[in-house]
Each structure stands twice: as structure tokens, then as C-alpha cells.
C-alpha atoms as a PDB file:
ATOM      1  CA  MET A   1      -8.789  -2.424   7.940  1.00  0.00           C
ATOM      2  CA  LYS A   2      -8.792   0.643  10.166  1.00  0.00           C
ATOM      3  CA  LYS A   3      -6.326   2.315   7.832  1.00  0.00           C
ATOM      4  CA  HIS A   4      -8.541   1.770   4.794  1.00  0.00           C
ATOM      5  CA  TRP A   5     -11.890   3.019   6.089  1.00  0.00           C
ATOM      6  CA  TRP A   6     -11.692   6.079   3.838  1.00  0.00           C
ATOM      7  CA  LYS A   7     -11.449   3.850   0.760  1.00  0.00           C
ATOM      8  CA  ALA A   8     -14.624   2.031   1.743  1.00  0.00           C
ATOM      9  CA  LEU A   9     -16.251   5.397   2.403  1.00  0.00           C
ATOM     10  CA  GLY A  10     -15.261   6.599  -1.054  1.00  0.00           C
ATOM     11  CA  VAL A  11     -16.763   3.502  -2.694  1.00  0.00           C
ATOM     12  CA  VAL A  12     -20.003   3.876  -0.731  1.00  0.00           C
ATOM     13  CA  ILE A  13     -20.290   7.575  -1.559  1.00  0.00           C
ATOM     14  CA  MET A  14     -19.641   7.092  -5.282  1.00  0.00           C
ATOM     15  CA  THR A  15     -22.129   4.211  -5.420  1.00  0.00           C
ATOM     16  CA  TYR A  16     -24.707   6.509  -3.856  1.00  0.00           C
ATOM     17  CA  VAL A  17     -23.830   9.370  -6.222  1.00  0.00           C
ATOM     18  CA  ILE A  18     -24.067   7.240  -9.358  1.00  0.00           C
ATOM     19  CA  TRP A  19     -27.320   5.585  -8.286  1.00  0.00           C
ATOM     20  CA  VAL A  20     -29.149   8.688  -7.102  1.00  0.00           C
ATOM     21  CA  GLY A  21     -27.476  10.920  -9.669  1.00  0.00           C
ATOM     22  CA  LEU A  22     -28.779   8.879 -12.574  1.00  0.00           C
ATOM     23  CA  LEU A  23     -32.153   7.802 -11.186  1.00  0.00           C
ATOM     24  CA  GLY A  24     -33.143  10.467  -8.652  1.00  0.00           C
ATOM     25  CA  ASP A  25     -35.450  13.404  -9.281  1.00  0.00           C
ATOM     26  CA  VAL A  26     -33.959  16.637 -10.599  1.00  0.00           C
ATOM     27  CA  PRO A  27     -35.435  20.093 -11.294  1.00  0.00           C
ATOM     28  CA  ARG A  28     -36.884  20.442 -14.772  1.00  0.00           C
ATOM     29  CA  GLN A  29     -35.317  23.502 -16.351  1.00  0.00           C
ATOM     30  CA  PRO A  30     -35.563  24.784 -19.947  1.00  0.00           C
ATOM     31  CA  ILE A  31     -32.693  23.681 -22.198  1.00  0.00           C
ATOM     32  CA  LEU A  32     -30.979  21.763 -19.381  1.00  0.00           C
ATOM     33  CA  ASN A  33     -33.696  19.160 -18.845  1.00  0.00           C
ATOM     34  CA  GLU A  34     -32.134  15.819 -17.847  1.00  0.00           C
ATOM     35  CA  SER A  35     -28.619  17.080 -18.638  1.00  0.00           C
ATOM     36  CA  ILE A  36     -28.639  18.885 -15.296  1.00  0.00           C
ATOM     37  CA  ARG A  37     -27.617  15.529 -13.798  1.00  0.00           C
ATOM     38  CA  ASN A  38     -24.146  16.280 -15.108  1.00  0.00           C
ATOM     39  CA  VAL A  39     -23.820  18.703 -12.184  1.00  0.00           C
ATOM     40  CA  TYR A  40     -23.202  15.621 -10.032  1.00  0.00           C
ATOM     41  CA  PHE A  41     -20.199  14.584 -12.121  1.00  0.00           C
ATOM     42  CA  HIS A  42     -18.768  17.501 -14.106  1.00  0.00           C
ATOM     43  CA  VAL A  43     -18.657  20.030 -11.261  1.00  0.00           C
ATOM     44  CA  PRO A  44     -17.223  17.645  -8.599  1.00  0.00           C
ATOM     45  CA  LEU A  45     -14.506  16.583 -11.035  1.00  0.00           C
ATOM     46  CA  TRP A  46     -13.271  20.171 -11.195  1.00  0.00           C
ATOM     47  CA  PHE A  47     -13.454  20.763  -7.453  1.00  0.00           C
ATOM     48  CA  SER A  48     -11.647  17.487  -6.785  1.00  0.00           C
ATOM     49  CA  MET A  49      -9.061  18.360  -9.428  1.00  0.00           C
ATOM     50  CA  LEU A  50      -8.308  21.638  -7.646  1.00  0.00           C
ATOM     51  CA  ILE A  51      -7.945  19.839  -4.303  1.00  0.00           C
ATOM     52  CA  LEU A  52      -5.525  17.368  -5.881  1.00  0.00           C
ATOM     53  CA  MET A  53      -3.550  20.174  -7.545  1.00  0.00           C
ATOM     54  CA  PHE A  54      -3.331  22.021  -4.236  1.00  0.00           C
ATOM     55  CA  THR A  55      -2.085  18.869  -2.505  1.00  0.00           C
ATOM     56  CA  SER A  56       0.485  18.390  -5.256  1.00  0.00           C
ATOM     57  CA  MET A  57       1.712  21.940  -4.650  1.00  0.00           C
ATOM     58  CA  VAL A  58       1.925  21.313  -0.885  1.00  0.00           C
ATOM     59  CA  PHE A  59       4.187  18.303  -1.423  1.00  0.00           C
ATOM     60  CA  ALA A  60       6.252  20.322  -3.899  1.00  0.00           C
ATOM     61  CA  ILE A  61       6.826  22.888  -1.153  1.00  0.00           C
ATOM     62  CA  ARG A  62       7.675  20.075   1.265  1.00  0.00           C
ATOM     63  CA  TYR A  63      10.290  18.784  -1.161  1.00  0.00           C
ATOM     64  CA  LEU A  64      11.900  22.211  -1.498  1.00  0.00           C
ATOM     65  CA  ARG A  65      12.028  22.508   2.305  1.00  0.00           C
ATOM     66  CA  LYS A  66      13.208  18.991   3.186  1.00  0.00           C
ATOM     67  CA  GLY A  67      14.824  17.724  -0.010  1.00  0.00           C
ATOM     68  CA  GLN A  68      13.263  14.270   0.270  1.00  0.00           C
ATOM     69  CA  LEU A  69      12.469  12.655  -3.062  1.00  0.00           C
ATOM     70  CA  LYS A  70       9.526  10.777  -1.602  1.00  0.00           C
ATOM     71  CA  ASP A  71       7.734  14.138  -1.387  1.00  0.00           C
ATOM     72  CA  ASP A  72       8.497  14.771  -5.050  1.00  0.00           C
ATOM     73  CA  HIS A  73       7.053  11.371  -5.951  1.00  0.00           C
ATOM     74  CA  VAL A  74       3.835  12.150  -4.104  1.00  0.00           C
ATOM     75  CA  SER A  75       3.674  15.611  -5.671  1.00  0.00           C
ATOM     76  CA  VAL A  76       3.974  14.397  -9.251  1.00  0.00           C
ATOM     77  CA  GLU A  77       1.446  11.610  -8.743  1.00  0.00           C
ATOM     78  CA  PHE A  78      -1.113  14.010  -7.279  1.00  0.00           C
ATOM     79  CA  ALA A  79      -0.523  16.183 -10.342  1.00  0.00           C
ATOM     80  CA  ASN A  80      -1.012  13.163 -12.637  1.00  0.00           C
ATOM     81  CA  THR A  81      -4.334  12.316 -10.984  1.00  0.00           C
ATOM     82  CA  ALA A  82      -5.403  15.962 -11.148  1.00  0.00           C
ATOM     83  CA  ILE A  83      -4.658  16.029 -14.874  1.00  0.00           C
ATOM     84  CA  LEU A  84      -6.739  12.872 -15.328  1.00  0.00           C
ATOM     85  CA  TYR A  85      -9.627  14.549 -13.515  1.00  0.00           C
ATOM     86  CA  GLY A  86      -9.146  17.627 -15.659  1.00  0.00           C
ATOM     87  CA  LEU A  87      -9.416  15.579 -18.838  1.00  0.00           C
ATOM     88  CA  LEU A  88     -12.560  13.884 -17.535  1.00  0.00           C
ATOM     89  CA  GLY A  89     -13.918  17.303 -16.603  1.00  0.00           C
ATOM     90  CA  CYS A  90     -13.273  18.562 -20.129  1.00  0.00           C
ATOM     91  CA  ALA A  91     -14.931  15.474 -21.616  1.00  0.00           C
ATOM     92  CA  THR A  92     -18.065  15.732 -19.462  1.00  0.00           C
ATOM     93  CA  GLY A  93     -18.162  19.475 -20.079  1.00  0.00           C
ATOM     94  CA  SER A  94     -17.943  19.027 -23.847  1.00  0.00           C
ATOM     95  CA  LEU A  95     -20.822  16.551 -23.804  1.00  0.00           C
ATOM     96  CA  TRP A  96     -22.869  18.959 -21.706  1.00  0.00           C
ATOM     97  CA  ALA A  97     -22.012  21.898 -23.974  1.00  0.00           C
ATOM     98  CA  THR A  98     -23.071  19.901 -27.018  1.00  0.00           C
ATOM     99  CA  VAL A  99     -26.513  19.291 -25.494  1.00  0.00           C
ATOM    100  CA  THR A 100     -27.137  22.755 -24.057  1.00  0.00           C
ATOM    101  CA  TRP A 101     -25.150  25.091 -26.310  1.00  0.00           C
ATOM    102  CA  GLY A 102     -24.980  23.047 -29.510  1.00  0.00           C
ATOM    103  CA  ASP A 103     -21.188  23.163 -29.617  1.00  0.00           C
ATOM    104  CA  PRO A 104     -18.731  20.904 -27.752  1.00  0.00           C
ATOM    105  CA  TRP A 105     -16.234  23.755 -27.346  1.00  0.00           C
ATOM    106  CA  PRO A 106     -17.690  27.230 -27.963  1.00  0.00           C
ATOM    107  CA  ASN A 107     -15.490  30.319 -27.858  1.00  0.00           C
ATOM    108  CA  ASP A 108     -16.027  30.846 -24.145  1.00  0.00           C
ATOM    109  CA  PRO A 109     -13.420  32.477 -21.844  1.00  0.00           C
ATOM    110  CA  LYS A 110     -13.971  29.845 -19.154  1.00  0.00           C
ATOM    111  CA  LEU A 111     -13.285  26.999 -21.552  1.00  0.00           C
ATOM    112  CA  ASN A 112     -10.317  28.753 -23.126  1.00  0.00           C
ATOM    113  CA  SER A 113      -8.849  29.492 -19.691  1.00  0.00           C
ATOM    114  CA  VAL A 114      -9.233  25.842 -18.716  1.00  0.00           C
ATOM    115  CA  ALA A 115      -7.457  24.801 -21.921  1.00  0.00           C
ATOM    116  CA  VAL A 116      -4.529  27.111 -21.138  1.00  0.00           C
ATOM    117  CA  GLY A 117      -4.400  25.837 -17.555  1.00  0.00           C
ATOM    118  CA  MET A 118      -4.363  22.202 -18.651  1.00  0.00           C
ATOM    119  CA  LEU A 119      -1.583  22.952 -21.140  1.00  0.00           C
ATOM    120  CA  MET A 120       0.425  24.419 -18.262  1.00  0.00           C
ATOM    121  CA  TYR A 121       0.193  21.115 -16.401  1.00  0.00           C
ATOM    122  CA  PHE A 122       1.007  19.126 -19.525  1.00  0.00           C
ATOM    123  CA  ALA A 123       4.112  21.301 -19.776  1.00  0.00           C
ATOM    124  CA  TYR A 124       4.884  20.311 -16.180  1.00  0.00           C
ATOM    125  CA  LEU A 125       5.015  16.645 -17.203  1.00  0.00           C
ATOM    126  CA  ILE A 126       7.136  17.458 -20.252  1.00  0.00           C
ATOM    127  CA  LEU A 127       9.494  19.496 -18.061  1.00  0.00           C
ATOM    128  CA  ARG A 128      10.001  16.566 -15.711  1.00  0.00           C
ATOM    129  CA  ASN A 129      10.903  14.259 -18.576  1.00  0.00           C
ATOM    130  CA  SER A 130      13.487  16.697 -19.923  1.00  0.00           C
ATOM    131  CA  PHE A 131      15.963  16.125 -17.054  1.00  0.00           C
ATOM    132  CA  ASP A 132      18.056  13.032 -16.442  1.00  0.00           C
ATOM    133  CA  ASP A 133      19.311  14.130 -13.036  1.00  0.00           C
ATOM    134  CA  GLU A 134      16.580  13.213 -10.538  1.00  0.00           C
ATOM    135  CA  LEU A 135      17.438  15.855  -7.960  1.00  0.00           C
ATOM    136  CA  ARG A 136      17.516  18.650 -10.513  1.00  0.00           C
ATOM    137  CA  ARG A 137      14.272  17.412 -12.065  1.00  0.00           C
ATOM    138  CA  ALA A 138      12.549  17.347  -8.694  1.00  0.00           C
ATOM    139  CA  ARG A 139      13.741  20.809  -7.702  1.00  0.00           C
ATOM    140  CA  ILE A 140      12.873  22.599 -10.946  1.00  0.00           C
ATOM    141  CA  SER A 141       9.531  20.847 -11.401  1.00  0.00           C
ATOM    142  CA  ALA A 142       8.573  21.635  -7.786  1.00  0.00           C
ATOM    143  CA  ILE A 143       9.144  25.334  -8.419  1.00  0.00           C
ATOM    144  CA  TYR A 144       7.160  25.129 -11.656  1.00  0.00           C
ATOM    145  CA  ASN A 145       4.348  23.288  -9.865  1.00  0.00           C
ATOM    146  CA  ILE A 146       3.961  26.087  -7.305  1.00  0.00           C
ATOM    147  CA  PHE A 147       3.763  28.809  -9.934  1.00  0.00           C
ATOM    148  CA  ALA A 148       1.457  26.717 -12.159  1.00  0.00           C
ATOM    149  CA  PHE A 149      -1.123  26.382  -9.390  1.00  0.00           C
ATOM    150  CA  ALA A 150      -0.790  30.062  -8.490  1.00  0.00           C
ATOM    151  CA  VAL A 151      -1.645  30.953 -12.103  1.00  0.00           C
ATOM    152  CA  PHE A 152      -4.250  28.236 -12.670  1.00  0.00           C
ATOM    153  CA  VAL A 153      -6.675  29.359  -9.950  1.00  0.00           C
ATOM    154  CA  PRO A 154      -7.132  32.985 -11.069  1.00  0.00           C
ATOM    155  CA  LEU A 155      -7.057  31.835 -14.669  1.00  0.00           C
ATOM    156  CA  ILE A 156     -10.214  29.739 -14.324  1.00  0.00           C
ATOM    157  CA  PHE A 157     -11.996  31.626 -11.525  1.00  0.00           C
ATOM    158  CA  VAL A 158     -11.117  35.320 -11.881  1.00  0.00           C
ATOM    159  CA  LEU A 159     -10.563  35.913 -15.596  1.00  0.00           C
ATOM    160  CA  PRO A 160     -13.932  34.471 -16.789  1.00  0.00           C
ATOM    161  CA  ARG A 161     -15.766  36.768 -14.346  1.00  0.00           C
ATOM    162  CA  LEU A 162     -14.255  39.832 -15.983  1.00  0.00           C
ATOM    163  CA  THR A 163     -15.892  39.214 -19.353  1.00  0.00           C
ATOM    164  CA  ASP A 164     -18.950  37.594 -20.931  1.00  0.00           C
ATOM    165  CA  SER A 165     -19.186  33.856 -20.388  1.00  0.00           C
ATOM    166  CA  LEU A 166     -21.745  31.133 -21.012  1.00  0.00           C
ATOM    167  CA  HIS A 167     -20.863  29.361 -17.780  1.00  0.00           C
ATOM    168  CA  PRO A 168     -23.123  29.843 -14.753  1.00  0.00           C
ATOM    169  CA  GLY A 169     -21.564  32.110 -12.158  1.00  0.00           C
ATOM    170  CA  ASN A 170     -19.317  33.838 -14.692  1.00  0.00           C
ATOM    171  CA  GLY A 171     -19.649  36.951 -16.813  1.00  0.00           C
ATOM    172  CA  GLY A 172     -22.767  38.139 -14.978  1.00  0.00           C
ATOM    173  CA  ASN A 173     -24.612  34.812 -15.283  1.00  0.00           C
ATOM    174  CA  PRO A 174     -26.159  33.558 -12.032  1.00  0.00           C
ATOM    175  CA  ALA A 175     -24.657  30.412 -10.529  1.00  0.00           C
ATOM    176  CA  PHE A 176     -26.625  27.169 -10.449  1.00  0.00           C
ATOM    177  CA  GLY A 177     -27.461  27.511  -6.778  1.00  0.00           C
ATOM    178  CA  GLN A 178     -29.253  30.790  -7.347  1.00  0.00           C
ATOM    179  CA  TYR A 179     -31.961  29.622  -9.683  1.00  0.00           C
ATOM    180  CA  ASP A 180     -32.266  25.887 -10.214  1.00  0.00           C
ATOM    181  CA  MET A 181     -30.423  23.954  -7.496  1.00  0.00           C
ATOM    182  CA  ASP A 182     -32.380  22.599  -4.557  1.00  0.00           C
ATOM    183  CA  ASN A 183     -31.575  20.636  -1.401  1.00  0.00           C
ATOM    184  CA  ARG A 184     -32.145  17.328  -3.190  1.00  0.00           C
ATOM    185  CA  MET A 185     -29.333  18.102  -5.602  1.00  0.00           C
ATOM    186  CA  ARG A 186     -27.029  19.381  -2.882  1.00  0.00           C
ATOM    187  CA  LEU A 187     -27.427  16.058  -1.070  1.00  0.00           C
ATOM    188  CA  VAL A 188     -25.769  14.443  -4.094  1.00  0.00           C
ATOM    189  CA  LEU A 189     -23.438  17.207  -5.267  1.00  0.00           C
ATOM    190  CA  TYR A 190     -21.518  17.695  -2.023  1.00  0.00           C
ATOM    191  CA  PRO A 191     -20.987  13.975  -1.339  1.00  0.00           C
ATOM    192  CA  SER A 192     -19.831  13.623  -4.944  1.00  0.00           C
ATOM    193  CA  VAL A 193     -17.024  16.122  -4.328  1.00  0.00           C
ATOM    194  CA  ILE A 194     -15.951  14.148  -1.240  1.00  0.00           C
ATOM    195  CA  GLY A 195     -16.217  10.791  -2.988  1.00  0.00           C
ATOM    196  CA  MET A 196     -14.269  11.861  -6.066  1.00  0.00           C
ATOM    197  CA  THR A 197     -11.576  13.437  -3.920  1.00  0.00           C
ATOM    198  CA  LEU A 198     -11.191  10.213  -1.894  1.00  0.00           C
ATOM    199  CA  LEU A 199     -11.066   8.235  -5.132  1.00  0.00           C
ATOM    200  CA  GLY A 200      -8.365  10.584  -6.442  1.00  0.00           C
ATOM    201  CA  VAL A 201      -6.292  10.128  -3.288  1.00  0.00           C
ATOM    202  CA  TRP A 202      -6.670   6.357  -3.625  1.00  0.00           C
ATOM    203  CA  ILE A 203      -5.518   6.442  -7.249  1.00  0.00           C
ATOM    204  CA  THR A 204      -2.566   8.614  -6.265  1.00  0.00           C
ATOM    205  CA  GLN A 205      -1.612   6.273  -3.430  1.00  0.00           C
ATOM    206  CA  LEU A 206      -1.533   3.314  -5.816  1.00  0.00           C
ATOM    207  CA  ARG A 207       0.552   5.301  -8.301  1.00  0.00           C
ATOM    208  CA  VAL A 208       3.055   6.294  -5.611  1.00  0.00           C
ATOM    209  CA  ARG A 209       3.419   2.671  -4.513  1.00  0.00           C
ATOM    210  CA  LEU A 210       3.946   1.609  -8.121  1.00  0.00           C
ATOM    211  CA  ARG A 211       6.585   4.305  -8.606  1.00  0.00           C
ATOM    212  CA  ARG A 212       8.467   3.266  -5.471  1.00  0.00           C
ATOM    213  CA  LEU A 213       8.287  -0.399  -6.455  1.00  0.00           C
ATOM    214  CA  SER A 214       9.676   0.488  -9.873  1.00  0.00           C
ATOM    215  CA  ASP A 215      12.549   2.390  -8.236  1.00  0.00           C
ATOM    216  CA  ARG A 216      13.370  -0.593  -6.032  1.00  0.00           C
ATOM    217  CA  LEU A 217      13.425  -2.899  -9.034  1.00  0.00           C
ATOM    218  CA  ASP A 218      15.738  -0.459 -10.813  1.00  0.00           C
ATOM    219  CA  ASN A 219      18.059  -0.494  -7.801  1.00  0.00           C
ATOM    220  CA  VAL A 220      18.135  -4.305  -7.869  1.00  0.00           C
ATOM    221  CA  ASN A 221      18.945  -4.389 -11.583  1.00  0.00           C
ATOM    222  CA  ASP A 222      21.476  -1.554 -11.293  1.00  0.00           C
ATOM    223  CA  PRO A 223      23.883  -2.057  -8.349  1.00  0.00           C
ATOM    224  CA  GLN A 224      25.287   1.470  -8.778  1.00  0.00           C
ATOM    225  CA  PRO A 225      24.018   3.780  -5.968  1.00  0.00           C
ATOM    226  CA  LYS A 226      21.550   6.432  -7.026  1.00  0.00           C
ATOM    227  CA  ALA A 227      20.839   9.830  -5.511  1.00  0.00           C
ATOM    228  CA  HIS A 228      17.284   8.975  -4.590  1.00  0.00           C
ATOM    229  CA  SER A 229      18.194   5.798  -2.671  1.00  0.00           C
ATOM    230  CA  THR A 230      19.492   7.822   0.276  1.00  0.00           C
ATOM    231  CA  ALA A 231      16.664  10.338   0.135  1.00  0.00           C
ATOM    232  CA  GLU A 232      14.017   7.694   0.762  1.00  0.00           C
END
């Protein structure tokens, strides 16, 4: 049980976030109105996604340094979870944009940059599936993963600030915290980032275990030695 305390913490935090996020008081702002509650879900999804992408890159670097396929397995599963969070972030953002801007995907540099960034990570998954040799796949995809993250961060944080954007904190628009966030919202927003990150790590852990179990079953069905059996 001592090893799983963080899972219980994640469940408690997300229960608190959902309960207070949906039923607690929020500032009443023009246009936003009740949709400002999406700050508790949409924004933490993106922050958690970036943490998961960064962790995926770290394990990609570890693989290139040590050559152990278990690091590649962890790296790709963190990337998979990050992509899931990115899709959920796009979905919650589109719903929010429909309410506040009247368009689920307006021609906004922030949104377009996110779309390009997500396509880069989809290409990462396609790249992995294009190689039969596991060692070659792990090596090339690890290098791609590092460069993808290095491009993704400035793509969604720097580029939108250089031009006009509808998003708060971009293109000269003030960020949420400058005009309509208060301490009540911060008491939900910050725990939400922690809770979603813990949930993402939990999902990734389960995926890694499933991948390793699948590899073991493949080894049982195929008596021929494989390259990754010695790397584990």
C-alpha cells in the first residue's frame, strides 16, 4: 500500500476537483459566465500533457544513453498518454470556443500551432510502426521524440505571442490570472494539474505493464530469441 499512496492521492484530488469545479462558486465574467469552470479541466490537461511529454523525452534520452528497451517502452507509453491528454484538451477547448467565440475551431494561431504539434506526435506513432526491427525503431523514434518536444514547446508558447490571438495570455491579451482569477479558483486549478498528472502517470504505468506482459506472451509463443529479451 505504501507504494500506491500517490494513486490514492490522485483519486482524492480529482474527486475534489470535479466536485468543487462543477458546484463551487466562480467569478461571473461577461461572455465566459459558467464556462469559466472549464479552466479547471482544459488548462490542467495541457499542463499535464506537457509534463508527460517531457517525461517521455527524458526516457528517450535514457534509452539513447543506456540502450535498454524498457526505457523505450516507458517513453512511448508516456507519449501515448500525453497524446490522449492532448486530444481531451482539444475537445474541451473546442467546446469552450463554441460557447465563448461561437466557433469550435477559429483561425487562431494558438489553435493552429497546437494542431501542428499534435500532428508531430501522431507522426511519432506512425514512425514507430514503420520499423520491424525493435532496436532500430527505438533508436530512431527516441531521436524524433527529443526533437518533437523541442519544437512543440516554442510552437505553442512562443509563436502565438508573436501575433494576434484570441487566447488569454497570447497576442497581447491578458492572462486569466490578471483579470478574473481569484484564490478560490487557484485552490482548484493547481490541485487539478497535480491530480491529472498523477492520473496520467497511473495510466502510463498500466500501459507499460500491459506492453511487457504482451512481450512475455510473445516470447512464450515464439521460442526464437528476440533482441529485446536481453535488454530487459
